[in-house]
Structure formats: C-alpha cells, structure tokens
Amino acid sequence: MKTLLILRHAKSSSKEPELSDHDRPLNRRGQHDAPRMGQLLSQMSLLPDLILCSTAARARATAESIIKISGFPGDIRYSPDFYLAAPSTWIDAIHQIEDEHDRIMIVGHNPGLETMVQQLTGHDGPFPTTALAQVELPIGSWQKLGWKTSGELVNIWRPKEL
C-alpha cells in the first residue's frame, strides 16, 4: 500500500502584472493557509517521505512553508516539468520514485491536480488552492501506478474547513 498526498499550491498574488505566471508569489491568504496545512500534516502524522514540487514561485513557497512548519525531514525534488503539469506528467515522475518511499506528496497546479484526484479516486469535487488530498493506493510499487489504479480518497482538507 502506498499513500499519495496531492497538494495544490496556496493562493497567489496577481498584484504585480509585470511578473510572469510562473513567478507569482503567495498572497496574504496563501501565506496564512500554507502553514496550516503543514500543521495538519504534522498533527495527523502524515508527513511524506518525499516531496515532488513545481518550480513555480507559489508552489515552492507553499512547499517550503509546509516543510518549515511540519519539520519535514525528507527530500524535496523540484522540476520545471511540474509547472501546470498534466496528470500523465505526474504519473511518469512517480514511476521513477524508489519504492522505499511509502508516502509521497506532490505540490502543483490545477487543472492537473484536480483531474488526477478525480481519475485516481472518482471524486469529482472542487480542489481549491491549498487543498490537500490523501489517496491510498493498492500498489506495492510506484511503477504500478496507472489510470486503472483505483485509489481510495481518505480525505480532502480545504483551508476554509480547518
């Protein structure tokens, strides 16, 4: 059994139109919500063994805030391929993960992450900024993850509900 934590980046700012989409920082709400998810991960004993993260500023800031608050001791791997990535990009990257990692977290963007939750679990609900989904997967190896894998959606946490 493997656990996939899917986290959408926290709310970003659009107050600086000269910045590219990739470089947009977190806004005040995002700076408030990201640490709350870090606390949740710590309190629920859900710290991942490994984090895969988009290189976008808002995704990096979200992941770094979670790491700081939660005390995450593992490795984080950033890739520009995860910026606005489709679910297939995430699946390809997950196939490369060593099986010693039982719980991983991906940090990225919609619509890819919302689609991924839907395809793996059948859940067809909103996935707002800073939403975190816990998906239990009936696989023993990350290489076995595919679109026919029927994962169990254990929970989705949204910042407004915490």
Protein backbone atom coordinates (compact mmCIF):
# COMPACT_ATOMS: atom_id res chain seq x y z
CA MET A 1 0.00 0.00 0.00
CA LYS A 2 1.31 3.46 -0.98
CA THR A 3 -0.01 6.89 0.02
CA LEU A 4 -0.12 9.82 -2.37
CA LEU A 5 -0.69 13.28 -0.92
CA ILE A 6 -1.81 15.77 -3.56
CA LEU A 7 -1.45 19.44 -2.62
CA ARG A 8 -2.47 22.40 -4.73
CA HIS A 9 -0.31 25.47 -4.15
CA ALA A 10 -1.62 28.18 -1.83
CA LYS A 11 -3.37 31.30 -3.13
CA SER A 12 -1.12 33.51 -5.22
CA SER A 13 -0.98 37.21 -5.86
CA SER A 14 -1.73 38.92 -9.14
CA LYS A 15 -0.86 42.41 -7.89
CA GLU A 16 2.35 42.56 -9.92
CA PRO A 17 1.27 42.24 -13.57
CA GLU A 18 4.86 42.52 -14.77
CA LEU A 19 5.63 39.12 -13.23
CA SER A 20 5.18 36.02 -15.31
CA ASP A 21 2.62 33.48 -14.11
CA HIS A 22 5.49 31.21 -13.08
CA ASP A 23 6.94 33.91 -10.80
CA ARG A 24 3.79 34.99 -8.95
CA PRO A 25 4.26 34.89 -5.14
CA LEU A 26 1.76 33.86 -2.49
CA ASN A 27 -0.70 36.49 -1.37
CA ARG A 28 -1.61 37.12 2.28
CA ARG A 29 -4.22 34.34 2.32
CA GLY A 30 -1.74 31.89 0.77
CA GLN A 31 0.89 32.82 3.36
CA HIS A 32 -1.70 32.07 6.05
CA ASP A 33 -3.07 28.81 4.59
CA ALA A 34 0.15 27.00 3.65
CA PRO A 35 1.48 26.75 7.23
CA ARG A 36 -1.91 25.44 8.36
CA MET A 37 -1.51 22.50 6.01
CA GLY A 38 1.96 21.92 7.41
CA GLN A 39 0.49 21.79 10.90
CA LEU A 40 -2.20 19.40 9.71
CA LEU A 41 0.36 17.04 8.18
CA SER A 42 2.32 17.02 11.41
CA GLN A 43 -0.71 16.60 13.69
CA MET A 44 -2.15 13.78 11.55
CA SER A 45 1.26 12.03 11.34
CA LEU A 46 1.06 12.30 7.56
CA LEU A 47 4.50 13.69 6.77
CA PRO A 48 5.62 12.37 3.41
CA ASP A 49 8.91 10.60 2.79
CA LEU A 50 9.48 12.67 -0.35
CA ILE A 51 8.01 15.77 -1.99
CA LEU A 52 7.80 16.46 -5.74
CA CYS A 53 7.16 20.13 -6.47
CA SER A 54 6.65 22.53 -9.35
CA THR A 55 9.31 25.22 -9.74
CA ALA A 56 6.68 27.98 -9.83
CA ALA A 57 7.23 30.52 -7.06
CA ARG A 58 3.82 29.91 -5.48
CA ALA A 59 4.31 26.13 -5.40
CA ARG A 60 7.84 26.44 -3.98
CA ALA A 61 6.67 28.89 -1.30
CA THR A 62 3.82 26.54 -0.37
CA ALA A 63 6.13 23.54 -0.07
CA GLU A 64 8.79 25.48 1.85
CA SER A 65 6.21 26.80 4.31
CA ILE A 66 4.91 23.29 4.92
CA ILE A 67 8.44 21.98 5.39
CA LYS A 68 9.27 24.71 7.90
CA ILE A 69 6.12 24.26 9.99
CA SER A 70 5.86 20.47 9.87
CA GLY A 71 9.50 19.61 10.47
CA PHE A 72 9.57 17.50 7.30
CA PRO A 73 12.97 15.77 7.33
CA GLY A 74 12.91 14.28 3.83
CA ASP A 75 13.96 15.26 0.36
CA ILE A 76 12.21 17.65 -2.00
CA ARG A 77 12.62 17.40 -5.77
CA TYR A 78 11.74 20.41 -7.89
CA SER A 79 11.12 20.15 -11.62
CA PRO A 80 10.01 22.66 -14.24
CA ASP A 81 8.08 19.76 -15.80
CA PHE A 82 5.59 20.01 -12.92
CA TYR A 83 4.62 23.60 -13.77
CA LEU A 84 0.98 23.36 -14.91
CA ALA A 85 1.57 19.62 -15.42
CA ALA A 86 -0.99 17.22 -16.76
CA PRO A 87 -1.69 14.12 -14.65
CA SER A 88 0.36 11.99 -17.07
CA THR A 89 3.46 14.07 -16.26
CA TRP A 90 2.98 13.40 -12.55
CA ILE A 91 2.42 9.68 -13.16
CA ASP A 92 5.61 9.46 -15.24
CA ALA A 93 7.58 11.19 -12.46
CA ILE A 94 6.03 8.98 -9.76
CA HIS A 95 7.11 5.89 -11.70
CA GLN A 96 10.72 6.98 -11.08
CA ILE A 97 10.36 7.08 -7.29
CA GLU A 98 12.15 4.47 -5.26
CA ASP A 99 9.80 2.02 -3.56
CA GLU A 100 11.38 2.64 -0.17
CA HIS A 101 9.20 5.77 -0.12
CA ASP A 102 5.74 4.72 1.07
CA ARG A 103 4.18 8.19 1.27
CA ILE A 104 4.91 10.97 -1.18
CA MET A 105 3.44 14.40 -1.72
CA ILE A 106 3.12 16.28 -4.99
CA VAL A 107 2.74 20.07 -4.99
CA GLY A 108 1.45 21.70 -8.14
CA HIS A 109 -1.38 23.34 -10.01
CA ASN A 110 -4.89 22.94 -11.34
CA PRO A 111 -6.43 21.72 -13.51
CA GLY A 112 -3.93 18.84 -13.48
CA LEU A 113 -4.16 18.01 -9.78
CA GLU A 114 -7.96 18.14 -9.64
CA THR A 115 -8.08 15.85 -12.67
CA MET A 116 -5.59 13.50 -11.05
CA VAL A 117 -7.68 13.21 -7.86
CA GLN A 118 -10.75 12.55 -9.98
CA GLN A 119 -9.07 9.92 -12.16
CA LEU A 120 -7.50 8.03 -9.25
CA THR A 121 -10.47 8.13 -6.88
CA GLY A 122 -13.61 9.05 -8.80
CA HIS A 123 -14.06 12.15 -6.62
CA ASP A 124 -15.47 14.92 -8.79
CA GLY A 125 -15.45 17.91 -6.48
CA PRO A 126 -13.62 21.22 -6.33
CA PHE A 127 -9.93 21.33 -5.48
CA PRO A 128 -9.27 24.93 -4.39
CA THR A 129 -5.93 26.49 -3.57
CA THR A 130 -4.14 24.80 -0.65
CA ALA A 131 -6.44 21.78 -0.84
CA LEU A 132 -4.77 18.55 0.25
CA ALA A 133 -5.99 15.11 -0.79
CA GLN A 134 -4.88 11.87 0.85
CA VAL A 135 -5.14 8.96 -1.58
CA GLU A 136 -4.40 5.38 -0.52
CA LEU A 137 -3.24 3.26 -3.43
CA PRO A 138 -3.45 -0.55 -3.55
CA ILE A 139 0.04 -0.92 -5.00
CA GLY A 140 3.36 -2.06 -3.60
CA SER A 141 5.48 -0.27 -6.18
CA TRP A 142 5.19 3.25 -7.56
CA GLN A 143 5.81 1.80 -11.03
CA LYS A 144 2.41 0.07 -10.78
CA LEU A 145 0.53 3.38 -10.56
CA GLY A 146 -1.69 3.92 -13.59
CA TRP A 147 -5.10 5.15 -14.65
CA LYS A 148 -6.64 1.79 -13.85
CA THR A 149 -5.39 2.05 -10.27
CA SER A 150 -8.43 2.54 -8.07
CA GLY A 151 -7.29 4.63 -5.13
CA GLU A 152 -9.27 5.39 -2.00
CA LEU A 153 -9.80 9.05 -1.21
CA VAL A 154 -9.26 9.08 2.55
CA ASN A 155 -9.84 12.81 2.92
CA ILE A 156 -9.63 16.19 1.28
CA TRP A 157 -8.74 19.07 3.54
CA ARG A 158 -9.51 22.60 2.42
CA PRO A 159 -8.17 25.63 4.31
CA LYS A 160 -11.63 27.16 4.83
CA GLU A 161 -12.72 23.97 6.63
CA LEU A 162 -9.83 23.87 9.09
